[in-house]
Each structure stands twice: as structure tokens, then as C-alpha cells.
Amino acid sequence: MKKGLLTPYVMVSIAGLVEELDNFSGYSQLQDICKEHGVEIHSSMMSMTGAINMGKGTVTVGFASQGEELAF
């Protein structure tokens, strides 16, 4: 697993159709990196509440880490 992951899972949700994730160039890169490190990606449609609050097309990523500060 990549440094800092507590579990081999990454959750991705989109405020739209799951198939729309393929329109993001970074998504295929994320898939490749996860596959290389034995990490499963679980993709889903964002909840209606999340989609309303975040806006159409928003993508969120969730994972369990060891509390290291992330530089975005």
C-alpha cells in the first residue's frame, strides 16, 4: 500500500453519473496507481444531499490514513 493508507480502499463519489468519472484524466491515473499498489477503488454516485450542497460534477475522494498532513 502507498504510504499512510490504513486500509487498501479508496472511495470516489461524484455528483452525477458514475460513468462521468471517466471524463476526468486524473481518475484513470488514480485507477492505475491503486491497481499497482493493490488498492481497490469503490466508485459511487454522491448522495442527493451531498450533490445539492457541493454542486453538479463535484468529485470527492475518501480514504483512511494515519493522520499525516496532506499537501493539496
Protein backbone atom coordinates (compact mmCIF):
# COMPACT_ATOMS: atom_id res chain seq x y z
CA MET A 1 0.00 0.00 0.00
CA LYS A 2 1.01 3.58 -0.55
CA LYS A 3 2.49 5.43 2.42
CA GLY A 4 -0.06 6.22 5.08
CA LEU A 5 -3.09 4.17 3.99
CA LEU A 6 -4.64 2.19 6.84
CA THR A 7 -6.85 0.12 4.54
CA PRO A 8 -6.44 -0.87 0.88
CA TYR A 9 -9.52 1.06 -0.24
CA VAL A 10 -10.19 4.44 -1.85
CA MET A 11 -13.75 5.71 -2.15
CA VAL A 12 -14.68 8.06 -5.00
CA SER A 13 -18.10 9.65 -5.37
CA ILE A 14 -19.43 12.03 -7.99
CA ALA A 15 -22.41 14.37 -8.07
CA GLY A 16 -23.53 12.84 -11.35
CA LEU A 17 -23.36 9.50 -13.11
CA VAL A 18 -20.52 7.19 -12.09
CA GLU A 19 -19.62 6.82 -15.78
CA GLU A 20 -18.76 10.54 -15.84
CA LEU A 21 -15.68 9.81 -13.72
CA ASP A 22 -14.01 8.57 -16.91
CA ASN A 23 -14.10 12.18 -18.19
CA PHE A 24 -11.53 13.17 -15.55
CA SER A 25 -7.96 12.47 -16.70
CA GLY A 26 -6.81 12.05 -13.11
CA TYR A 27 -9.31 9.26 -12.50
CA SER A 28 -7.60 6.83 -14.88
CA GLN A 29 -4.26 7.74 -13.30
CA LEU A 30 -5.75 7.06 -9.84
CA GLN A 31 -7.02 3.68 -11.09
CA ASP A 32 -3.57 2.75 -12.40
CA ILE A 33 -1.78 3.77 -9.20
CA CYS A 34 -4.28 1.95 -7.00
CA LYS A 35 -4.03 -1.21 -9.10
CA GLU A 36 -0.23 -1.06 -8.95
CA HIS A 37 -0.36 -0.93 -5.14
CA GLY A 38 -3.18 -3.42 -4.55
CA VAL A 39 -5.67 -0.74 -3.51
CA GLU A 40 -9.34 -1.13 -4.51
CA ILE A 41 -11.35 1.84 -5.76
CA HIS A 42 -15.04 1.92 -4.92
CA SER A 43 -16.90 4.44 -7.07
CA SER A 44 -20.43 5.64 -6.39
CA MET A 45 -22.96 8.34 -7.08
CA MET A 46 -22.88 11.02 -4.39
CA SER A 47 -25.91 11.27 -2.13
CA MET A 48 -28.55 13.78 -3.13
CA THR A 49 -27.75 15.93 -0.09
CA GLY A 50 -24.05 15.96 -0.94
CA ALA A 51 -24.72 16.72 -4.60
CA ILE A 52 -27.02 19.64 -3.73
CA ASN A 53 -24.50 21.10 -1.28
CA MET A 54 -21.38 20.50 -3.38
CA GLY A 55 -22.78 21.05 -6.88
CA LYS A 56 -23.14 19.02 -10.07
CA GLY A 57 -19.95 17.32 -11.23
CA THR A 58 -18.20 17.51 -7.86
CA VAL A 59 -15.91 14.58 -7.13
CA THR A 60 -14.91 13.56 -3.61
CA VAL A 61 -12.25 11.07 -2.56
CA GLY A 62 -12.17 9.30 0.78
CA PHE A 63 -9.55 7.08 2.37
CA ALA A 64 -8.27 6.11 5.81
CA SER A 65 -4.82 7.48 6.57
CA GLN A 66 -2.54 7.76 9.55
CA GLY A 67 -3.27 11.42 10.12
CA GLU A 68 -0.42 12.80 8.06
CA GLU A 69 -0.88 16.33 6.75
CA LEU A 70 -1.74 16.30 3.05
CA ALA A 71 -0.49 18.96 0.65
CA PHE A 72 -3.21 19.67 -1.89
